[in-house]
Amino acid sequence: MAVIAHAQNAAADSGLRGRLLTAIHRVQENRARRAVYRQTVRELNALTTRDLDDLGINRSMITRLAHEAAWGSAQ
């Protein structure tokens, strides 16, 4: 009987622990993606209009390109 109670407690603990670790992982992943987004926006905004033209990028495209760099392209 004690073995069953111990197994149930371990399962509940690992379930809660698993959900907590998953949530922490998601927060870290989103933080990293936001950092990629901000860095991309910062670097593209630092370029001159001529440099952007050479790359085929218009200033109005910067936020979309940064979003694609961080989260991938929307399909």
PDB file of N, CA and C in Angstrom:
ATOM      1  N   MET A   1       0.812  -1.186   0.000  1.00  0.00           N
ATOM      2  CA  MET A   1       0.000   0.000   0.000  1.00  0.00           C
ATOM      3  C   MET A   1       0.866   1.265   0.000  1.00  0.00           C
ATOM      4  N   ALA A   2       1.927   1.234   0.775  1.00  0.00           N
ATOM      5  CA  ALA A   2       2.819   2.390   0.843  1.00  0.00           C
ATOM      6  C   ALA A   2       3.529   2.610  -0.492  1.00  0.00           C
ATOM      7  N   VAL A   3       3.806   1.511  -1.190  1.00  0.00           N
ATOM      8  CA  VAL A   3       4.469   1.624  -2.484  1.00  0.00           C
ATOM      9  C   VAL A   3       3.570   2.338  -3.481  1.00  0.00           C
ATOM     10  N   ILE A   4       2.283   2.036  -3.465  1.00  0.00           N
ATOM     11  CA  ILE A   4       1.326   2.672  -4.381  1.00  0.00           C
ATOM     12  C   ILE A   4       1.213   4.156  -4.069  1.00  0.00           C
ATOM     13  N   ALA A   5       1.117   4.505  -2.803  1.00  0.00           N
ATOM     14  CA  ALA A   5       1.020   5.916  -2.413  1.00  0.00           C
ATOM     15  C   ALA A   5       2.277   6.671  -2.827  1.00  0.00           C
ATOM     16  N   HIS A   6       3.432   6.061  -2.648  1.00  0.00           N
ATOM     17  CA  HIS A   6       4.686   6.691  -3.036  1.00  0.00           C
ATOM     18  C   HIS A   6       4.746   6.893  -4.554  1.00  0.00           C
ATOM     19  N   ALA A   7       4.286   5.898  -5.307  1.00  0.00           N
ATOM     20  CA  ALA A   7       4.297   6.000  -6.770  1.00  0.00           C
ATOM     21  C   ALA A   7       3.354   7.104  -7.233  1.00  0.00           C
ATOM     22  N   GLN A   8       2.202   7.252  -6.596  1.00  0.00           N
ATOM     23  CA  GLN A   8       1.253   8.301  -6.979  1.00  0.00           C
ATOM     24  C   GLN A   8       1.821   9.680  -6.666  1.00  0.00           C
ATOM     25  N   ASN A   9       2.477   9.813  -5.512  1.00  0.00           N
ATOM     26  CA  ASN A   9       3.098  11.093  -5.161  1.00  0.00           C
ATOM     27  C   ASN A   9       4.210  11.447  -6.139  1.00  0.00           C
ATOM     28  N   ALA A  10       4.992  10.463  -6.539  1.00  0.00           N
ATOM     29  CA  ALA A  10       6.078  10.702  -7.489  1.00  0.00           C
ATOM     30  C   ALA A  10       5.524  11.116  -8.839  1.00  0.00           C
ATOM     31  N   ALA A  11       4.423  10.477  -9.249  1.00  0.00           N
ATOM     32  CA  ALA A  11       3.807  10.829 -10.534  1.00  0.00           C
ATOM     33  C   ALA A  11       3.242  12.237 -10.501  1.00  0.00           C
ATOM     34  N   ALA A  12       2.599  12.609  -9.388  1.00  0.00           N
ATOM     35  CA  ALA A  12       2.054  13.963  -9.267  1.00  0.00           C
ATOM     36  C   ALA A  12       3.172  14.988  -9.256  1.00  0.00           C
ATOM     37  N   ASP A  13       4.253  14.675  -8.555  1.00  0.00           N
ATOM     38  CA  ASP A  13       5.394  15.579  -8.482  1.00  0.00           C
ATOM     39  C   ASP A  13       6.040  15.752  -9.854  1.00  0.00           C
ATOM     40  N   SER A  14       6.241  14.641 -10.553  1.00  0.00           N
ATOM     41  CA  SER A  14       6.867  14.746 -11.864  1.00  0.00           C
ATOM     42  C   SER A  14       5.933  15.433 -12.853  1.00  0.00           C
ATOM     43  N   GLY A  15       4.632  15.272 -12.704  1.00  0.00           N
ATOM     44  CA  GLY A  15       3.687  15.957 -13.578  1.00  0.00           C
ATOM     45  C   GLY A  15       3.751  17.460 -13.389  1.00  0.00           C
ATOM     46  N   LEU A  16       3.704  17.881 -12.135  1.00  0.00           N
ATOM     47  CA  LEU A  16       3.806  19.302 -11.829  1.00  0.00           C
ATOM     48  C   LEU A  16       5.184  19.826 -12.214  1.00  0.00           C
ATOM     49  N   ARG A  17       6.199  19.039 -11.880  1.00  0.00           N
ATOM     50  CA  ARG A  17       7.566  19.431 -12.220  1.00  0.00           C
ATOM     51  C   ARG A  17       7.736  19.513 -13.729  1.00  0.00           C
ATOM     52  N   GLY A  18       7.154  18.562 -14.435  1.00  0.00           N
ATOM     53  CA  GLY A  18       7.244  18.567 -15.890  1.00  0.00           C
ATOM     54  C   GLY A  18       6.573  19.781 -16.496  1.00  0.00           C
ATOM     55  N   ARG A  19       5.389  20.117 -15.967  1.00  0.00           N
ATOM     56  CA  ARG A  19       4.686  21.309 -16.480  1.00  0.00           C
ATOM     57  C   ARG A  19       5.460  22.577 -16.169  1.00  0.00           C
ATOM     58  N   LEU A  20       6.053  22.627 -14.989  1.00  0.00           N
ATOM     59  CA  LEU A  20       6.837  23.798 -14.614  1.00  0.00           C
ATOM     60  C   LEU A  20       8.079  23.934 -15.491  1.00  0.00           C
ATOM     61  N   LEU A  21       8.766  22.823 -15.728  1.00  0.00           N
ATOM     62  CA  LEU A  21       9.946  22.864 -16.588  1.00  0.00           C
ATOM     63  C   LEU A  21       9.577  23.247 -18.023  1.00  0.00           C
ATOM     64  N   THR A  22       8.431  22.757 -18.499  1.00  0.00           N
ATOM     65  CA  THR A  22       7.968  23.121 -19.838  1.00  0.00           C
ATOM     66  C   THR A  22       7.690  24.616 -19.913  1.00  0.00           C
ATOM     67  N   ALA A  23       7.038  25.165 -18.892  1.00  0.00           N
ATOM     68  CA  ALA A  23       6.734  26.599 -18.869  1.00  0.00           C
ATOM     69  C   ALA A  23       8.022  27.421 -18.840  1.00  0.00           C
ATOM     70  N   ILE A  24       8.984  26.992 -18.039  1.00  0.00           N
ATOM     71  CA  ILE A  24      10.260  27.704 -17.968  1.00  0.00           C
ATOM     72  C   ILE A  24      10.970  27.651 -19.315  1.00  0.00           C
ATOM     73  N   HIS A  25      10.928  26.484 -19.954  1.00  0.00           N
ATOM     74  CA  HIS A  25      11.551  26.338 -21.267  1.00  0.00           C
ATOM     75  C   HIS A  25      10.896  27.276 -22.281  1.00  0.00           C
ATOM     76  N   ARG A  26       9.568  27.365 -22.256  1.00  0.00           N
ATOM     77  CA  ARG A  26       8.856  28.261 -23.171  1.00  0.00           C
ATOM     78  C   ARG A  26       9.234  29.714 -22.948  1.00  0.00           C
ATOM     79  N   VAL A  27       9.339  30.115 -21.690  1.00  0.00           N
ATOM     80  CA  VAL A  27       9.727  31.493 -21.370  1.00  0.00           C
ATOM     81  C   VAL A  27      11.130  31.783 -21.898  1.00  0.00           C
ATOM     82  N   GLN A  28      12.055  30.853 -21.693  1.00  0.00           N
ATOM     83  CA  GLN A  28      13.420  31.046 -22.175  1.00  0.00           C
ATOM     84  C   GLN A  28      13.465  31.112 -23.695  1.00  0.00           C
ATOM     85  N   GLU A  29      12.690  30.254 -24.354  1.00  0.00           N
ATOM     86  CA  GLU A  29      12.658  30.256 -25.817  1.00  0.00           C
ATOM     87  C   GLU A  29      12.077  31.566 -26.349  1.00  0.00           C
ATOM     88  N   ASN A  30      10.994  32.039 -25.742  1.00  0.00           N
ATOM     89  CA  ASN A  30      10.399  33.303 -26.178  1.00  0.00           C
ATOM     90  C   ASN A  30      11.336  34.477 -25.931  1.00  0.00           C
ATOM     91  N   ARG A  31      12.058  34.434 -24.827  1.00  0.00           N
ATOM     92  CA  ARG A  31      13.021  35.500 -24.532  1.00  0.00           C
ATOM     93  C   ARG A  31      14.126  35.517 -25.589  1.00  0.00           C
ATOM     94  N   ALA A  32      14.602  34.350 -25.972  1.00  0.00           N
ATOM     95  CA  ALA A  32      15.652  34.258 -26.993  1.00  0.00           C
ATOM     96  C   ALA A  32      15.118  34.746 -28.345  1.00  0.00           C
ATOM     97  N   ARG A  33      13.878  34.390 -28.673  1.00  0.00           N
ATOM     98  CA  ARG A  33      13.299  34.842 -29.939  1.00  0.00           C
ATOM     99  C   ARG A  33      13.125  36.353 -29.961  1.00  0.00           C
ATOM    100  N   ARG A  34      12.682  36.926 -28.840  1.00  0.00           N
ATOM    101  CA  ARG A  34      12.548  38.387 -28.772  1.00  0.00           C
ATOM    102  C   ARG A  34      13.902  39.067 -28.911  1.00  0.00           C
ATOM    103  N   ALA A  35      14.946  38.458 -28.367  1.00  0.00           N
ATOM    104  CA  ALA A  35      16.292  39.015 -28.494  1.00  0.00           C
ATOM    105  C   ALA A  35      16.744  39.007 -29.951  1.00  0.00           C
ATOM    106  N   VAL A  36      16.449  37.915 -30.668  1.00  0.00           N
ATOM    107  CA  VAL A  36      16.779  37.845 -32.099  1.00  0.00           C
ATOM    108  C   VAL A  36      16.012  38.929 -32.854  1.00  0.00           C
ATOM    109  N   TYR A  37      14.738  39.090 -32.534  1.00  0.00           N
ATOM    110  CA  TYR A  37      13.914  40.107 -33.191  1.00  0.00           C
ATOM    111  C   TYR A  37      14.503  41.500 -32.965  1.00  0.00           C
ATOM    112  N   ARG A  38      14.785  41.831 -31.702  1.00  0.00           N
ATOM    113  CA  ARG A  38      15.318  43.170 -31.391  1.00  0.00           C
ATOM    114  C   ARG A  38      16.671  43.405 -32.049  1.00  0.00           C
ATOM    115  N   GLN A  39      17.530  42.392 -32.046  1.00  0.00           N
ATOM    116  CA  GLN A  39      18.849  42.545 -32.660  1.00  0.00           C
ATOM    117  C   GLN A  39      18.719  42.743 -34.167  1.00  0.00           C
ATOM    118  N   THR A  40      17.833  42.007 -34.801  1.00  0.00           N
ATOM    119  CA  THR A  40      17.641  42.138 -36.247  1.00  0.00           C
ATOM    120  C   THR A  40      17.128  43.527 -36.594  1.00  0.00           C
ATOM    121  N   VAL A  41      16.141  44.001 -35.848  1.00  0.00           N
ATOM    122  CA  VAL A  41      15.606  45.350 -36.082  1.00  0.00           C
ATOM    123  C   VAL A  41      16.704  46.388 -35.885  1.00  0.00           C
ATOM    124  N   ARG A  42      17.472  46.234 -34.815  1.00  0.00           N
ATOM    125  CA  ARG A  42      18.541  47.196 -34.515  1.00  0.00           C
ATOM    126  C   ARG A  42      19.586  47.227 -35.628  1.00  0.00           C
ATOM    127  N   GLU A  43      19.997  46.043 -36.097  1.00  0.00           N
ATOM    128  CA  GLU A  43      21.030  45.989 -37.128  1.00  0.00           C
ATOM    129  C   GLU A  43      20.530  46.513 -38.466  1.00  0.00           C
ATOM    130  N   LEU A  44      19.301  46.180 -38.836  1.00  0.00           N
ATOM    131  CA  LEU A  44      18.779  46.667 -40.112  1.00  0.00           C
ATOM    132  C   LEU A  44      18.517  48.170 -40.069  1.00  0.00           C
ATOM    133  N   ASN A  45      18.054  48.677 -38.929  1.00  0.00           N
ATOM    134  CA  ASN A  45      17.847  50.121 -38.811  1.00  0.00           C
ATOM    135  C   ASN A  45      19.157  50.890 -38.840  1.00  0.00           C
ATOM    136  N   ALA A  46      20.257  50.239 -38.476  1.00  0.00           N
ATOM    137  CA  ALA A  46      21.563  50.905 -38.482  1.00  0.00           C
ATOM    138  C   ALA A  46      22.113  51.076 -39.895  1.00  0.00           C
ATOM    139  N   LEU A  47      21.590  50.307 -40.848  1.00  0.00           N
ATOM    140  CA  LEU A  47      22.068  50.408 -42.224  1.00  0.00           C
ATOM    141  C   LEU A  47      21.522  51.670 -42.883  1.00  0.00           C
ATOM    142  N   THR A  48      22.284  52.180 -43.830  1.00  0.00           N
ATOM    143  CA  THR A  48      21.811  53.333 -44.588  1.00  0.00           C
ATOM    144  C   THR A  48      20.763  52.866 -45.593  1.00  0.00           C
ATOM    145  N   THR A  49      20.017  53.824 -46.105  1.00  0.00           N
ATOM    146  CA  THR A  49      19.000  53.501 -47.100  1.00  0.00           C
ATOM    147  C   THR A  49      19.649  52.892 -48.339  1.00  0.00           C
ATOM    148  N   ARG A  50      20.828  53.376 -48.680  1.00  0.00           N
ATOM    149  CA  ARG A  50      21.533  52.818 -49.836  1.00  0.00           C
ATOM    150  C   ARG A  50      21.919  51.355 -49.594  1.00  0.00           C
ATOM    151  N   ASP A  51      22.411  51.058 -48.394  1.00  0.00           N
ATOM    152  CA  ASP A  51      22.759  49.667 -48.059  1.00  0.00           C
ATOM    153  C   ASP A  51      21.523  48.772 -48.130  1.00  0.00           C
ATOM    154  N   LEU A  52      20.414  49.267 -47.598  1.00  0.00           N
ATOM    155  CA  LEU A  52      19.171  48.487 -47.652  1.00  0.00           C
ATOM    156  C   LEU A  52      18.721  48.274 -49.094  1.00  0.00           C
ATOM    157  N   ASP A  53      18.855  49.316 -49.915  1.00  0.00           N
ATOM    158  CA  ASP A  53      18.497  49.181 -51.336  1.00  0.00           C
ATOM    159  C   ASP A  53      19.361  48.124 -52.015  1.00  0.00           C
ATOM    160  N   ASP A  54      20.645  48.093 -51.676  1.00  0.00           N
ATOM    161  CA  ASP A  54      21.536  47.078 -52.244  1.00  0.00           C
ATOM    162  C   ASP A  54      21.087  45.668 -51.865  1.00  0.00           C
ATOM    163  N   LEU A  55      20.512  45.534 -50.671  1.00  0.00           N
ATOM    164  CA  LEU A  55      20.022  44.236 -50.206  1.00  0.00           C
ATOM    165  C   LEU A  55      18.602  43.936 -50.695  1.00  0.00           C
ATOM    166  N   GLY A  56      17.975  44.931 -51.312  1.00  0.00           N
ATOM    167  CA  GLY A  56      16.603  44.755 -51.779  1.00  0.00           C
ATOM    168  C   GLY A  56      15.590  44.862 -50.655  1.00  0.00           C
ATOM    169  N   ILE A  57      15.927  45.638 -49.644  1.00  0.00           N
ATOM    170  CA  ILE A  57      15.055  45.787 -48.477  1.00  0.00           C
ATOM    171  C   ILE A  57      14.595  47.238 -48.377  1.00  0.00           C
ATOM    172  N   ASN A  58      13.315  47.406 -48.164  1.00  0.00           N
ATOM    173  CA  ASN A  58      12.746  48.717 -47.912  1.00  0.00           C
ATOM    174  C   ASN A  58      12.611  48.865 -46.399  1.00  0.00           C
ATOM    175  N   ARG A  59      12.710  50.074 -45.876  1.00  0.00           N
ATOM    176  CA  ARG A  59      12.620  50.277 -44.421  1.00  0.00           C
ATOM    177  C   ARG A  59      11.307  49.752 -43.849  1.00  0.00           C
ATOM    178  N   SER A  60      10.251  49.798 -44.622  1.00  0.00           N
ATOM    179  CA  SER A  60       8.965  49.309 -44.132  1.00  0.00           C
ATOM    180  C   SER A  60       8.943  47.790 -43.971  1.00  0.00           C
ATOM    181  N   MET A  61       9.934  47.104 -44.503  1.00  0.00           N
ATOM    182  CA  MET A  61      10.002  45.643 -44.421  1.00  0.00           C
ATOM    183  C   MET A  61      10.772  45.152 -43.199  1.00  0.00           C
ATOM    184  N   ILE A  62      11.417  46.047 -42.483  1.00  0.00           N
ATOM    185  CA  ILE A  62      12.337  45.651 -41.411  1.00  0.00           C
ATOM    186  C   ILE A  62      11.632  44.836 -40.333  1.00  0.00           C
ATOM    187  N   THR A  63      10.492  45.295 -39.847  1.00  0.00           N
ATOM    188  CA  THR A  63       9.832  44.565 -38.757  1.00  0.00           C
ATOM    189  C   THR A  63       9.360  43.193 -39.215  1.00  0.00           C
ATOM    190  N   ARG A  64       8.885  43.083 -40.448  1.00  0.00           N
ATOM    191  CA  ARG A  64       8.453  41.777 -40.960  1.00  0.00           C
ATOM    192  C   ARG A  64       9.636  40.830 -41.091  1.00  0.00           C
ATOM    193  N   LEU A  65      10.749  41.340 -41.607  1.00  0.00           N
ATOM    194  CA  LEU A  65      11.937  40.509 -41.748  1.00  0.00           C
ATOM    195  C   LEU A  65      12.482  40.073 -40.384  1.00  0.00           C
ATOM    196  N   ALA A  66      12.425  40.961 -39.411  1.00  0.00           N
ATOM    197  CA  ALA A  66      12.887  40.613 -38.069  1.00  0.00           C
ATOM    198  C   ALA A  66      11.971  39.545 -37.455  1.00  0.00           C
ATOM    199  N   HIS A  67      10.683  39.684 -37.695  1.00  0.00           N
ATOM    200  CA  HIS A  67       9.728  38.692 -37.189  1.00  0.00           C
ATOM    201  C   HIS A  67      10.011  37.330 -37.822  1.00  0.00           C
ATOM    202  N   GLU A  68      10.264  37.320 -39.112  1.00  0.00           N
ATOM    203  CA  GLU A  68      10.587  36.055 -39.797  1.00  0.00           C
ATOM    204  C   GLU A  68      11.901  35.471 -39.287  1.00  0.00           C
ATOM    205  N   ALA A  69      12.870  36.334 -38.967  1.00  0.00           N
ATOM    206  CA  ALA A  69      14.146  35.845 -38.438  1.00  0.00           C
ATOM    207  C   ALA A  69      13.961  35.185 -37.084  1.00  0.00           C
ATOM    208  N   ALA A  70      13.069  35.727 -36.273  1.00  0.00           N
ATOM    209  CA  ALA A  70      12.872  35.206 -34.923  1.00  0.00           C
ATOM    210  C   ALA A  70      11.913  34.033 -34.878  1.00  0.00           C
ATOM    211  N   TRP A  71      10.786  34.129 -35.585  1.00  0.00           N
ATOM    212  CA  TRP A  71       9.743  33.121 -35.475  1.00  0.00           C
ATOM    213  C   TRP A  71       9.524  32.315 -36.743  1.00  0.00           C
ATOM    214  N   GLY A  72      10.255  32.611 -37.775  1.00  0.00           N
ATOM    215  CA  GLY A  72      10.074  31.894 -39.031  1.00  0.00           C
ATOM    216  C   GLY A  72       9.001  32.559 -39.881  1.00  0.00           C
ATOM    217  N   SER A  73       8.948  32.163 -41.125  1.00  0.00           N
ATOM    218  CA  SER A  73       7.982  32.789 -42.034  1.00  0.00           C
ATOM    219  C   SER A  73       6.601  32.205 -41.822  1.00  0.00           C
ATOM    220  N   ALA A  74       5.607  33.048 -41.961  1.00  0.00           N
ATOM    221  CA  ALA A  74       4.216  32.604 -41.851  1.00  0.00           C
ATOM    222  C   ALA A  74       3.812  31.938 -43.146  1.00  0.00           C
ATOM    223  N   GLN A  75       3.265  30.749 -43.038  1.00  0.00           N
ATOM    224  CA  GLN A  75       2.868  30.035 -44.255  1.00  0.00           C
ATOM    225  C   GLN A  75       1.398  29.858 -44.325  1.00  0.00           C
TER     226      GLN A  75
END
